[in-house]
Full PDB file with SEQRES, HELIX, SHEET, SSBOND, CRYST1, ORIGX, SCALE, CONECT and MASTER records, all heavy atoms in Angstrom:
SEQRES   1 A   35  ALA CYS GLN SER MET GLU TYR PRO ALA TYR ASN ALA LEU          
SEQRES   2 A   35  ILE ALA ASP ILE THR TYR THR LYS ASP ARG GLU ARG ALA          
SEQRES   3 A   35  PHE SER LEU GLN TYR LEU GLY ALA ASN                          
HELIX    1 AA1 CYS A    2  ASP A   16  1                                  15    
HELIX    2 AA2 THR A   20  ASP A   22  5                                   3    
HELIX    3 AA3 ARG A   23  ALA A   34  1                                  12    
CRYST1    1.000    1.000    1.000  90.00  90.00  90.00 P 1           1          
ORIGX1      1.000000  0.000000  0.000000        0.00000                         
ORIGX2      0.000000  1.000000  0.000000        0.00000                         
ORIGX3      0.000000  0.000000  1.000000        0.00000                         
SCALE1      1.000000  0.000000  0.000000        0.00000                         
SCALE2      0.000000  1.000000  0.000000        0.00000                         
SCALE3      0.000000  0.000000  1.000000        0.00000                         
ATOM      1  N   ALA A   1      12.213 194.300 197.885  1.00  0.00           N  
ATOM      2  CA  ALA A   1      12.307 193.113 198.723  1.00  0.00           C  
ATOM      3  C   ALA A   1      13.651 192.461 198.583  1.00  0.00           C  
ATOM      4  O   ALA A   1      14.224 191.948 199.573  1.00  0.00           O  
ATOM      5  CB  ALA A   1      11.175 192.116 198.266  1.00  0.00           C  
ATOM      6  N   CYS A   2      14.175 192.448 197.378  1.00  0.00           N  
ATOM      7  CA  CYS A   2      15.558 191.915 197.146  1.00  0.00           C  
ATOM      8  C   CYS A   2      16.591 192.722 197.898  1.00  0.00           C  
ATOM      9  O   CYS A   2      17.542 192.165 198.443  1.00  0.00           O  
ATOM     10  CB  CYS A   2      15.848 191.835 195.686  1.00  0.00           C  
ATOM     11  SG  CYS A   2      14.778 190.715 194.759  1.00  0.00           S  
ATOM     12  N   GLN A   3      16.417 194.016 197.878  1.00  0.00           N  
ATOM     13  CA  GLN A   3      17.358 194.875 198.604  1.00  0.00           C  
ATOM     14  C   GLN A   3      17.238 194.644 200.109  1.00  0.00           C  
ATOM     15  O   GLN A   3      18.251 194.664 200.836  1.00  0.00           O  
ATOM     16  CB  GLN A   3      17.083 196.347 198.261  1.00  0.00           C  
ATOM     17  CG  GLN A   3      17.308 196.715 196.809  1.00  0.00           C  
ATOM     18  CD  GLN A   3      18.722 196.554 196.337  1.00  0.00           C  
ATOM     19  OE1 GLN A   3      19.651 197.117 196.897  1.00  0.00           O  
ATOM     20  NE2 GLN A   3      18.906 195.695 195.324  1.00  0.00           N  
ATOM     21  N   SER A   4      16.036 194.359 200.581  1.00  0.00           N  
ATOM     22  CA  SER A   4      15.808 194.081 202.035  1.00  0.00           C  
ATOM     23  C   SER A   4      16.501 192.776 202.404  1.00  0.00           C  
ATOM     24  O   SER A   4      17.052 192.609 203.489  1.00  0.00           O  
ATOM     25  CB  SER A   4      14.355 194.012 202.319  1.00  0.00           C  
ATOM     26  OG  SER A   4      13.725 195.225 202.219  1.00  0.00           O  
ATOM     27  N   MET A   5      16.437 191.764 201.512  1.00  0.00           N  
ATOM     28  CA  MET A   5      17.095 190.472 201.764  1.00  0.00           C  
ATOM     29  C   MET A   5      18.600 190.637 201.778  1.00  0.00           C  
ATOM     30  O   MET A   5      19.293 189.919 202.520  1.00  0.00           O  
ATOM     31  CB  MET A   5      16.696 189.480 200.703  1.00  0.00           C  
ATOM     32  CG  MET A   5      15.259 189.001 200.789  1.00  0.00           C  
ATOM     33  SD  MET A   5      14.815 187.780 199.533  1.00  0.00           S  
ATOM     34  CE  MET A   5      15.853 186.417 200.001  1.00  0.00           C  
ATOM     35  N   GLU A   6      19.132 191.595 201.015  1.00  0.00           N  
ATOM     36  CA  GLU A   6      20.555 191.843 200.932  1.00  0.00           C  
ATOM     37  C   GLU A   6      21.108 192.541 202.154  1.00  0.00           C  
ATOM     38  O   GLU A   6      22.262 192.324 202.534  1.00  0.00           O  
ATOM     39  CB  GLU A   6      20.844 192.597 199.645  1.00  0.00           C  
ATOM     40  CG  GLU A   6      22.257 193.122 199.522  1.00  0.00           C  
ATOM     41  CD  GLU A   6      22.383 194.080 198.384  1.00  0.00           C  
ATOM     42  OE1 GLU A   6      21.749 193.865 197.328  1.00  0.00           O  
ATOM     43  OE2 GLU A   6      23.136 195.065 198.519  1.00  0.00           O  
ATOM     44  N   TYR A   7      20.266 193.366 202.739  1.00  0.00           N  
ATOM     45  CA  TYR A   7      20.762 194.278 203.830  1.00  0.00           C  
ATOM     46  C   TYR A   7      21.410 193.530 205.001  1.00  0.00           C  
ATOM     47  O   TYR A   7      22.513 193.870 205.435  1.00  0.00           O  
ATOM     48  CB  TYR A   7      19.592 195.138 204.314  1.00  0.00           C  
ATOM     49  CG  TYR A   7      19.913 196.018 205.514  1.00  0.00           C  
ATOM     50  CD1 TYR A   7      20.598 197.192 205.303  1.00  0.00           C  
ATOM     51  CD2 TYR A   7      19.483 195.656 206.770  1.00  0.00           C  
ATOM     52  CE1 TYR A   7      20.925 197.974 206.425  1.00  0.00           C  
ATOM     53  CE2 TYR A   7      19.823 196.442 207.876  1.00  0.00           C  
ATOM     54  CZ  TYR A   7      20.521 197.566 207.699  1.00  0.00           C  
ATOM     55  OH  TYR A   7      20.797 198.370 208.783  1.00  0.00           O  
ATOM     56  N   PRO A   8      20.774 192.449 205.535  1.00  0.00           N  
ATOM     57  CA  PRO A   8      21.431 191.739 206.669  1.00  0.00           C  
ATOM     58  C   PRO A   8      22.764 191.117 206.262  1.00  0.00           C  
ATOM     59  O   PRO A   8      23.687 191.115 207.043  1.00  0.00           O  
ATOM     60  CB  PRO A   8      20.392 190.667 207.054  1.00  0.00           C  
ATOM     61  CG  PRO A   8      19.107 191.190 206.522  1.00  0.00           C  
ATOM     62  CD  PRO A   8      19.430 191.907 205.266  1.00  0.00           C  
ATOM     63  N   ALA A   9      22.867 190.612 205.045  1.00  0.00           N  
ATOM     64  CA  ALA A   9      24.108 189.999 204.574  1.00  0.00           C  
ATOM     65  C   ALA A   9      25.194 191.051 204.436  1.00  0.00           C  
ATOM     66  O   ALA A   9      26.362 190.815 204.794  1.00  0.00           O  
ATOM     67  CB  ALA A   9      23.875 189.314 203.225  1.00  0.00           C  
ATOM     68  N   TYR A  10      24.874 192.219 203.972  1.00  0.00           N  
ATOM     69  CA  TYR A  10      25.805 193.307 203.773  1.00  0.00           C  
ATOM     70  C   TYR A  10      26.407 193.698 205.115  1.00  0.00           C  
ATOM     71  O   TYR A  10      27.646 193.776 205.282  1.00  0.00           O  
ATOM     72  CB  TYR A  10      25.138 194.488 203.060  1.00  0.00           C  
ATOM     73  CG  TYR A  10      26.043 195.211 202.108  1.00  0.00           C  
ATOM     74  CD1 TYR A  10      25.829 195.154 200.736  1.00  0.00           C  
ATOM     75  CD2 TYR A  10      27.067 195.993 202.562  1.00  0.00           C  
ATOM     76  CE1 TYR A  10      26.609 195.830 199.864  1.00  0.00           C  
ATOM     77  CE2 TYR A  10      27.877 196.672 201.670  1.00  0.00           C  
ATOM     78  CZ  TYR A  10      27.641 196.608 200.326  1.00  0.00           C  
ATOM     79  OH  TYR A  10      28.465 197.251 199.404  1.00  0.00           O  
ATOM     80  N   ASN A  11      25.542 193.973 206.092  1.00  0.00           N  
ATOM     81  CA  ASN A  11      26.014 194.417 207.402  1.00  0.00           C  
ATOM     82  C   ASN A  11      26.792 193.319 208.125  1.00  0.00           C  
ATOM     83  O   ASN A  11      27.798 193.615 208.775  1.00  0.00           O  
ATOM     84  CB  ASN A  11      24.827 194.869 208.254  1.00  0.00           C  
ATOM     85  CG  ASN A  11      24.451 196.288 207.992  1.00  0.00           C  
ATOM     86  OD1 ASN A  11      25.035 196.957 207.144  1.00  0.00           O  
ATOM     87  ND2 ASN A  11      23.452 196.783 208.720  1.00  0.00           N  
ATOM     88  N   ALA A  12      26.313 192.084 207.986  1.00  0.00           N  
ATOM     89  CA  ALA A  12      26.985 190.970 208.658  1.00  0.00           C  
ATOM     90  C   ALA A  12      28.348 190.733 208.062  1.00  0.00           C  
ATOM     91  O   ALA A  12      29.353 190.416 208.755  1.00  0.00           O  
ATOM     92  CB  ALA A  12      26.133 189.720 208.572  1.00  0.00           C  
ATOM     93  N   LEU A  13      28.449 190.895 206.726  1.00  0.00           N  
ATOM     94  CA  LEU A  13      29.710 190.705 206.023  1.00  0.00           C  
ATOM     95  C   LEU A  13      30.778 191.746 206.502  1.00  0.00           C  
ATOM     96  O   LEU A  13      31.914 191.434 206.739  1.00  0.00           O  
ATOM     97  CB  LEU A  13      29.541 190.764 204.519  1.00  0.00           C  
ATOM     98  CG  LEU A  13      30.802 190.632 203.667  1.00  0.00           C  
ATOM     99  CD1 LEU A  13      31.519 189.313 203.952  1.00  0.00           C  
ATOM    100  CD2 LEU A  13      30.437 190.746 202.177  1.00  0.00           C  
ATOM    101  N   ILE A  14      30.324 192.998 206.624  1.00  0.00           N  
ATOM    102  CA  ILE A  14      31.256 194.013 207.048  1.00  0.00           C  
ATOM    103  C   ILE A  14      31.727 193.717 208.483  1.00  0.00           C  
ATOM    104  O   ILE A  14      32.953 193.883 208.820  1.00  0.00           O  
ATOM    105  CB  ILE A  14      30.524 195.429 207.042  1.00  0.00           C  
ATOM    106  CG1 ILE A  14      30.240 195.795 205.586  1.00  0.00           C  
ATOM    107  CG2 ILE A  14      31.416 196.473 207.698  1.00  0.00           C  
ATOM    108  CD1 ILE A  14      29.268 196.939 205.485  1.00  0.00           C  
ATOM    109  N   ALA A  15      30.846 193.251 209.335  1.00  0.00           N  
ATOM    110  CA  ALA A  15      31.208 192.880 210.713  1.00  0.00           C  
ATOM    111  C   ALA A  15      32.197 191.693 210.717  1.00  0.00           C  
ATOM    112  O   ALA A  15      33.165 191.704 211.473  1.00  0.00           O  
ATOM    113  CB  ALA A  15      29.986 192.570 211.537  1.00  0.00           C  
ATOM    114  N   ASP A  16      31.905 190.709 209.856  1.00  0.00           N  
ATOM    115  CA  ASP A  16      32.763 189.537 209.823  1.00  0.00           C  
ATOM    116  C   ASP A  16      34.198 189.840 209.474  1.00  0.00           C  
ATOM    117  O   ASP A  16      35.158 189.257 210.017  1.00  0.00           O  
ATOM    118  CB  ASP A  16      32.234 188.522 208.784  1.00  0.00           C  
ATOM    119  CG  ASP A  16      31.026 187.725 209.294  1.00  0.00           C  
ATOM    120  OD1 ASP A  16      30.698 187.865 210.481  1.00  0.00           O  
ATOM    121  OD2 ASP A  16      30.468 186.972 208.500  1.00  0.00           O  
ATOM    122  N   ILE A  17      34.417 190.763 208.527  1.00  0.00           N  
ATOM    123  CA  ILE A  17      35.738 191.001 208.016  1.00  0.00           C  
ATOM    124  C   ILE A  17      36.456 192.188 208.754  1.00  0.00           C  
ATOM    125  O   ILE A  17      37.565 192.532 208.339  1.00  0.00           O  
ATOM    126  CB  ILE A  17      35.728 191.311 206.498  1.00  0.00           C  
ATOM    127  CG1 ILE A  17      34.952 192.626 206.206  1.00  0.00           C  
ATOM    128  CG2 ILE A  17      35.081 190.159 205.723  1.00  0.00           C  
ATOM    129  CD1 ILE A  17      34.972 193.024 204.772  1.00  0.00           C  
ATOM    130  N   THR A  18      35.895 192.629 209.833  1.00  0.00           N  
ATOM    131  CA  THR A  18      36.426 193.795 210.526  1.00  0.00           C  
ATOM    132  C   THR A  18      36.550 193.519 212.018  1.00  0.00           C  
ATOM    133  O   THR A  18      35.594 193.010 212.626  1.00  0.00           O  
ATOM    134  CB  THR A  18      35.563 195.075 210.312  1.00  0.00           C  
ATOM    135  OG1 THR A  18      35.250 195.170 208.918  1.00  0.00           O  
ATOM    136  CG2 THR A  18      36.275 196.292 210.785  1.00  0.00           C  
ATOM    137  N   TYR A  19      37.696 193.902 212.597  1.00  0.00           N  
ATOM    138  CA  TYR A  19      37.890 193.753 214.029  1.00  0.00           C  
ATOM    139  C   TYR A  19      36.947 194.726 214.779  1.00  0.00           C  
ATOM    140  O   TYR A  19      36.606 195.783 214.268  1.00  0.00           O  
ATOM    141  CB  TYR A  19      39.329 194.007 214.447  1.00  0.00           C  
ATOM    142  CG  TYR A  19      40.255 192.905 213.998  1.00  0.00           C  
ATOM    143  CD1 TYR A  19      41.090 193.036 212.909  1.00  0.00           C  
ATOM    144  CD2 TYR A  19      40.344 191.736 214.764  1.00  0.00           C  
ATOM    145  CE1 TYR A  19      41.929 192.023 212.502  1.00  0.00           C  
ATOM    146  CE2 TYR A  19      41.204 190.710 214.416  1.00  0.00           C  
ATOM    147  CZ  TYR A  19      42.002 190.855 213.260  1.00  0.00           C  
ATOM    148  OH  TYR A  19      42.849 189.833 212.873  1.00  0.00           O  
ATOM    149  N   THR A  20      36.560 194.359 216.001  1.00  0.00           N  
ATOM    150  CA  THR A  20      35.652 195.199 216.772  1.00  0.00           C  
ATOM    151  C   THR A  20      36.127 196.613 216.892  1.00  0.00           C  
ATOM    152  O   THR A  20      35.394 197.555 216.745  1.00  0.00           O  
ATOM    153  CB  THR A  20      35.457 194.596 218.194  1.00  0.00           C  
ATOM    154  OG1 THR A  20      34.951 193.256 218.091  1.00  0.00           O  
ATOM    155  CG2 THR A  20      34.563 195.422 219.029  1.00  0.00           C  
ATOM    156  N   LYS A  21      37.402 196.787 217.157  1.00  0.00           N  
ATOM    157  CA  LYS A  21      37.992 198.127 217.310  1.00  0.00           C  
ATOM    158  C   LYS A  21      37.917 199.001 216.074  1.00  0.00           C  
ATOM    159  O   LYS A  21      38.006 200.216 216.131  1.00  0.00           O  
ATOM    160  CB  LYS A  21      39.415 198.048 217.814  1.00  0.00           C  
ATOM    161  CG  LYS A  21      40.367 197.370 216.846  1.00  0.00           C  
ATOM    162  CD  LYS A  21      41.786 197.251 217.405  1.00  0.00           C  
ATOM    163  CE  LYS A  21      42.721 196.532 216.464  1.00  0.00           C  
ATOM    164  NZ  LYS A  21      42.911 197.244 215.186  1.00  0.00           N  
ATOM    165  N   ASP A  22      37.794 198.337 214.898  1.00  0.00           N  
ATOM    166  CA  ASP A  22      37.783 199.053 213.610  1.00  0.00           C  
ATOM    167  C   ASP A  22      36.367 199.229 213.064  1.00  0.00           C  
ATOM    168  O   ASP A  22      36.216 199.831 212.008  1.00  0.00           O  
ATOM    169  CB  ASP A  22      38.609 198.307 212.595  1.00  0.00           C  
ATOM    170  CG  ASP A  22      40.095 198.303 213.003  1.00  0.00           C  
ATOM    171  OD1 ASP A  22      40.557 199.330 213.556  1.00  0.00           O  
ATOM    172  OD2 ASP A  22      40.773 197.314 212.674  1.00  0.00           O  
ATOM    173  N   ARG A  23      35.348 198.651 213.704  1.00  0.00           N  
ATOM    174  CA  ARG A  23      34.038 198.582 213.077  1.00  0.00           C  
ATOM    175  C   ARG A  23      33.364 199.970 212.914  1.00  0.00           C  
ATOM    176  O   ARG A  23      32.683 200.189 211.922  1.00  0.00           O  
ATOM    177  CB  ARG A  23      33.141 197.674 213.873  1.00  0.00           C  
ATOM    178  CG  ARG A  23      33.352 196.212 213.498  1.00  0.00           C  
ATOM    179  CD  ARG A  23      32.264 195.272 213.901  1.00  0.00           C  
ATOM    180  NE  ARG A  23      32.849 193.929 213.912  1.00  0.00           N  
ATOM    181  CZ  ARG A  23      32.754 193.104 214.895  1.00  0.00           C  
ATOM    182  NH1 ARG A  23      32.127 193.440 215.988  1.00  0.00           N  
ATOM    183  NH2 ARG A  23      33.299 191.881 214.833  1.00  0.00           N  
ATOM    184  N   GLU A  24      33.596 200.839 213.845  1.00  0.00           N  
ATOM    185  CA  GLU A  24      32.951 202.176 213.673  1.00  0.00           C  
ATOM    186  C   GLU A  24      33.540 202.860 212.411  1.00  0.00           C  
ATOM    187  O   GLU A  24      32.785 203.474 211.658  1.00  0.00           O  
ATOM    188  CB  GLU A  24      33.165 203.024 214.902  1.00  0.00           C  
ATOM    189  CG  GLU A  24      32.365 204.338 214.811  1.00  0.00           C  
ATOM    190  CD  GLU A  24      32.125 204.947 216.165  1.00  0.00           C  
ATOM    191  OE1 GLU A  24      31.764 204.200 217.140  1.00  0.00           O  
ATOM    192  OE2 GLU A  24      32.281 206.190 216.292  1.00  0.00           O  
ATOM    193  N   ARG A  25      34.806 202.682 212.177  1.00  0.00           N  
ATOM    194  CA  ARG A  25      35.434 203.254 210.993  1.00  0.00           C  
ATOM    195  C   ARG A  25      34.886 202.530 209.729  1.00  0.00           C  
ATOM    196  O   ARG A  25      34.614 203.200 208.710  1.00  0.00           O  
ATOM    197  CB  ARG A  25      36.953 203.133 211.028  1.00  0.00           C  
ATOM    198  CG  ARG A  25      37.606 203.959 212.113  1.00  0.00           C  
ATOM    199  CD  ARG A  25      39.125 203.976 211.948  1.00  0.00           C  
ATOM    200  NE  ARG A  25      39.729 202.623 212.064  1.00  0.00           N  
ATOM    201  CZ  ARG A  25      40.571 202.114 211.213  1.00  0.00           C  
ATOM    202  NH1 ARG A  25      40.942 202.836 210.132  1.00  0.00           N  
ATOM    203  NH2 ARG A  25      41.048 200.900 211.391  1.00  0.00           N  
ATOM    204  N   ALA A  26      34.752 201.265 209.826  1.00  0.00           N  
ATOM    205  CA  ALA A  26      34.283 200.474 208.655  1.00  0.00           C  
ATOM    206  C   ALA A  26      32.830 200.849 208.309  1.00  0.00           C  
ATOM    207  O   ALA A  26      32.538 201.046 207.119  1.00  0.00           O  
ATOM    208  CB  ALA A  26      34.401 198.980 208.961  1.00  0.00           C  
ATOM    209  N   PHE A  27      31.965 200.889 209.284  1.00  0.00           N  
ATOM    210  CA  PHE A  27      30.585 201.213 208.998  1.00  0.00           C  
ATOM    211  C   PHE A  27      30.449 202.674 208.605  1.00  0.00           C  
ATOM    212  O   PHE A  27      29.595 203.030 207.775  1.00  0.00           O  
ATOM    213  CB  PHE A  27      29.686 200.907 210.203  1.00  0.00           C  
ATOM    214  CG  PHE A  27      29.334 199.452 210.301  1.00  0.00           C  
ATOM    215  CD1 PHE A  27      29.982 198.585 211.155  1.00  0.00           C  
ATOM    216  CD2 PHE A  27      28.264 198.929 209.544  1.00  0.00           C  
ATOM    217  CE1 PHE A  27      29.668 197.248 211.258  1.00  0.00           C  
ATOM    218  CE2 PHE A  27      27.939 197.614 209.630  1.00  0.00           C  
ATOM    219  CZ  PHE A  27      28.627 196.756 210.486  1.00  0.00           C  
ATOM    220  N   SER A  28      31.282 203.524 209.199  1.00  0.00           N  
ATOM    221  CA  SER A  28      31.300 204.937 208.807  1.00  0.00           C  
ATOM    222  C   SER A  28      31.699 205.074 207.314  1.00  0.00           C  
ATOM    223  O   SER A  28      31.117 205.864 206.556  1.00  0.00           O  
ATOM    224  CB  SER A  28      32.279 205.722 209.648  1.00  0.00           C  
ATOM    225  OG  SER A  28      32.495 207.019 209.169  1.00  0.00           O  
ATOM    226  N   LEU A  29      32.670 204.263 206.876  1.00  0.00           N  
ATOM    227  CA  LEU A  29      33.103 204.285 205.492  1.00  0.00           C  
ATOM    228  C   LEU A  29      31.997 203.875 204.554  1.00  0.00           C  
ATOM    229  O   LEU A  29      31.784 204.431 203.475  1.00  0.00           O  
ATOM    230  CB  LEU A  29      34.342 203.346 205.307  1.00  0.00           C  
ATOM    231  CG  LEU A  29      34.965 203.316 203.922  1.00  0.00           C  
ATOM    232  CD1 LEU A  29      35.550 204.693 203.548  1.00  0.00           C  
ATOM    233  CD2 LEU A  29      36.012 202.246 203.838  1.00  0.00           C  
ATOM    234  N   GLN A  30      31.239 202.832 204.916  1.00  0.00           N  
ATOM    235  CA  GLN A  30      30.127 202.384 204.082  1.00  0.00           C  
ATOM    236  C   GLN A  30      29.054 203.456 203.969  1.00  0.00           C  
ATOM    237  O   GLN A  30      28.451 203.691 202.924  1.00  0.00           O  
ATOM    238  CB  GLN A  30      29.528 201.097 204.641  1.00  0.00           C  
ATOM    239  CG  GLN A  30      30.497 199.903 204.675  1.00  0.00           C  
ATOM    240  CD  GLN A  30      31.120 199.596 203.321  1.00  0.00           C  
ATOM    241  OE1 GLN A  30      30.397 199.588 202.307  1.00  0.00           O  
ATOM    242  NE2 GLN A  30      32.388 199.416 203.291  1.00  0.00           N  
ATOM    243  N   TYR A  31      28.752 204.093 205.104  1.00  0.00           N  
ATOM    244  CA  TYR A  31      27.737 205.149 205.122  1.00  0.00           C  
ATOM    245  C   TYR A  31      28.228 206.334 204.262  1.00  0.00           C  
ATOM    246  O   TYR A  31      27.423 206.922 203.523  1.00  0.00           O  
ATOM    247  CB  TYR A  31      27.553 205.565 206.595  1.00  0.00           C  
ATOM    248  CG  TYR A  31      26.625 206.725 206.829  1.00  0.00           C  
ATOM    249  CD1 TYR A  31      25.334 206.716 206.340  1.00  0.00           C  
ATOM    250  CD2 TYR A  31      27.051 207.844 207.596  1.00  0.00           C  
ATOM    251  CE1 TYR A  31      24.445 207.754 206.588  1.00  0.00           C  
ATOM    252  CE2 TYR A  31      26.202 208.857 207.834  1.00  0.00           C  
ATOM    253  CZ  TYR A  31      24.911 208.815 207.331  1.00  0.00           C  
ATOM    254  OH  TYR A  31      24.027 209.875 207.582  1.00  0.00           O  
ATOM    255  N   LEU A  32      29.490 206.630 204.346  1.00  0.00           N  
ATOM    256  CA  LEU A  32      30.067 207.666 203.508  1.00  0.00           C  
ATOM    257  C   LEU A  32      29.911 207.362 202.044  1.00  0.00           C  
ATOM    258  O   LEU A  32      29.488 208.211 201.239  1.00  0.00           O  
ATOM    259  CB  LEU A  32      31.550 207.843 203.882  1.00  0.00           C  
ATOM    260  CG  LEU A  32      32.313 208.939 203.165  1.00  0.00           C  
ATOM    261  CD1 LEU A  32      31.746 210.322 203.531  1.00  0.00           C  
ATOM    262  CD2 LEU A  32      33.826 208.890 203.546  1.00  0.00           C  
ATOM    263  N   GLY A  33      30.249 206.140 201.646  1.00  0.00           N  
ATOM    264  CA  GLY A  33      30.096 205.720 200.270  1.00  0.00           C  
ATOM    265  C   GLY A  33      28.690 205.800 199.782  1.00  0.00           C  
ATOM    266  O   GLY A  33      28.441 206.235 198.647  1.00  0.00           O  
ATOM    267  N   ALA A  34      27.716 205.372 200.607  1.00  0.00           N  
ATOM    268  CA  ALA A  34      26.317 205.416 200.197  1.00  0.00           C  
ATOM    269  C   ALA A  34      25.923 206.859 199.899  1.00  0.00           C  
ATOM    270  O   ALA A  34      25.179 207.102 198.910  1.00  0.00           O  
ATOM    271  CB  ALA A  34      25.471 204.868 201.315  1.00  0.00           C  
ATOM    272  N   ASN A  35      26.409 207.800 200.691  1.00  0.00           N  
ATOM    273  CA  ASN A  35      25.975 209.197 200.478  1.00  0.00           C  
ATOM    274  C   ASN A  35      26.752 209.893 199.415  1.00  0.00           C  
ATOM    275  O   ASN A  35      26.259 210.842 198.817  1.00  0.00           O  
ATOM    276  CB  ASN A  35      26.045 209.948 201.811  1.00  0.00           C  
ATOM    277  CG  ASN A  35      24.873 209.592 202.706  1.00  0.00           C  
ATOM    278  OD1 ASN A  35      23.804 210.176 202.594  1.00  0.00           O  
ATOM    279  ND2 ASN A  35      25.049 208.565 203.521  1.00  0.00           N  
TER     280      ASN A  35                                                      
MASTER        0    0    0    3    0    0    0    6  279    1    0    3          
END                                                                             
C-alpha cells in the first residue's frame, strides 16, 4: 500500500523535472533502472 501511494508521486516527479521532448528518454531510463 505504501508503494502504491508512492507510485503517483514518483511518476509525477519525473514529469515535473523533465521537458516534454525528453520524457520518453527519462521514463525509459527509469524503466531500465528498475529492470
